[in-house]
Amino acid sequence: MALRLQRAEVEALLAFRHAEPGEEENLAWWRLQRVRVARVALLEDAARAALPALPPPPAHALSWWQGVKQRLGRLRVEGETPPAAIARKLG
């Protein structure tokens, strides 16, 4: 299962890197975050610490409040949900 999630994360990262700026990029970033959260849940502490950081969110991927929390350094993506418009498209 962990290997499948690793592969899914790599595919999601590639999709994010090649996404067009705007809505497609925002959706790809949230998909990447969801896969990372699922993968981290299966890893041991040492493996979690060794994971590289994911790219920062695109300009409009976060809600206003999430943007404030990010600027304050308090945003924890694993506990956040996408803004309503993005969540509807993610399904």
Protein backbone atom coordinates (compact mmCIF):
# COMPACT_ATOMS: atom_id res chain seq x y z
CA MET A 1 0.00 0.00 0.00
CA ALA A 2 2.80 2.43 0.88
CA LEU A 3 4.45 1.82 -2.48
CA ARG A 4 1.19 2.56 -4.30
CA LEU A 5 0.80 5.79 -2.38
CA GLN A 6 4.39 6.76 -3.16
CA ARG A 7 3.72 6.20 -6.84
CA ALA A 8 0.45 8.15 -6.62
CA GLU A 9 2.32 11.01 -4.96
CA VAL A 10 4.94 11.07 -7.72
CA GLU A 11 2.20 11.09 -10.36
CA ALA A 12 0.34 13.87 -8.52
CA LEU A 13 3.56 15.90 -8.26
CA LEU A 14 4.18 15.52 -11.99
CA ALA A 15 0.59 16.52 -12.72
CA PHE A 16 1.05 19.61 -10.53
CA ARG A 17 4.36 20.56 -12.19
CA HIS A 18 2.81 20.29 -15.66
CA ALA A 19 -0.56 21.87 -14.85
CA GLU A 20 -1.58 25.12 -16.47
CA PRO A 21 -1.60 28.05 -14.03
CA GLY A 22 -5.02 28.73 -12.58
CA GLU A 23 -7.79 26.28 -11.76
CA GLU A 24 -5.97 23.21 -13.12
CA GLU A 25 -2.92 24.00 -10.99
CA ASN A 26 -5.03 24.59 -7.87
CA LEU A 27 -6.81 21.24 -8.28
CA ALA A 28 -3.52 19.44 -8.90
CA TRP A 29 -1.99 20.98 -5.76
CA TRP A 30 -4.88 19.84 -3.55
CA ARG A 31 -4.75 16.35 -5.07
CA LEU A 32 -1.05 16.23 -4.27
CA GLN A 33 -1.73 17.32 -0.69
CA ARG A 34 -4.40 14.62 -0.24
CA VAL A 35 -2.06 11.89 -1.47
CA ARG A 36 0.75 13.13 0.80
CA VAL A 37 -1.54 13.10 3.84
CA ALA A 38 -2.63 9.53 3.06
CA ARG A 39 0.98 8.44 2.54
CA VAL A 40 2.30 10.08 5.71
CA ALA A 41 -0.32 8.24 7.75
CA LEU A 42 1.33 4.94 6.80
CA LEU A 43 4.96 5.96 7.38
CA GLU A 44 7.08 5.61 10.49
CA ASP A 45 8.47 8.73 12.18
CA ALA A 46 11.95 8.40 10.63
CA ALA A 47 10.51 8.04 7.13
CA ARG A 48 8.19 11.02 7.70
CA ALA A 49 11.12 13.19 8.71
CA ALA A 50 13.01 12.23 5.55
CA LEU A 51 10.24 13.31 3.17
CA PRO A 52 11.03 16.40 1.12
CA ALA A 53 8.71 19.36 1.45
CA LEU A 54 6.00 19.70 -1.15
CA PRO A 55 5.78 22.82 -3.30
CA PRO A 56 3.96 25.80 -1.82
CA PRO A 57 0.36 26.38 -2.91
CA PRO A 58 -0.40 28.36 -6.05
CA ALA A 59 -1.75 31.87 -5.69
CA HIS A 60 -5.46 31.04 -5.41
CA ALA A 61 -5.43 27.47 -4.08
CA LEU A 62 -6.14 28.57 -0.51
CA SER A 63 -9.10 30.35 1.01
CA TRP A 64 -8.60 33.79 2.46
CA TRP A 65 -8.31 32.41 5.99
CA GLN A 66 -5.90 29.66 4.92
CA GLY A 67 -3.75 32.33 3.27
CA VAL A 68 -3.62 34.26 6.53
CA LYS A 69 -2.62 31.12 8.42
CA GLN A 70 0.06 30.38 5.82
CA ARG A 71 1.56 33.86 6.16
CA LEU A 72 1.62 33.41 9.94
CA GLY A 73 3.25 30.00 9.60
CA ARG A 74 0.24 28.24 11.17
CA LEU A 75 -1.16 26.45 8.12
CA ARG A 76 -1.25 22.66 8.54
CA VAL A 77 -2.49 21.31 5.23
CA GLU A 78 -3.21 17.87 6.65
CA GLY A 79 -5.96 19.41 8.79
CA GLU A 80 -7.36 21.71 6.13
CA THR A 81 -10.04 21.21 3.52
CA PRO A 82 -9.96 22.84 0.10
CA PRO A 83 -12.01 25.99 -0.44
CA ALA A 84 -15.61 25.18 -1.41
CA ALA A 85 -15.21 25.84 -5.15
CA ILE A 86 -12.16 23.58 -5.35
CA ALA A 87 -13.71 20.91 -3.11
CA ARG A 88 -16.73 20.65 -5.42
CA LYS A 89 -14.46 20.01 -8.40
CA LEU A 90 -12.32 17.51 -6.54
CA GLY A 91 -15.39 15.49 -5.64
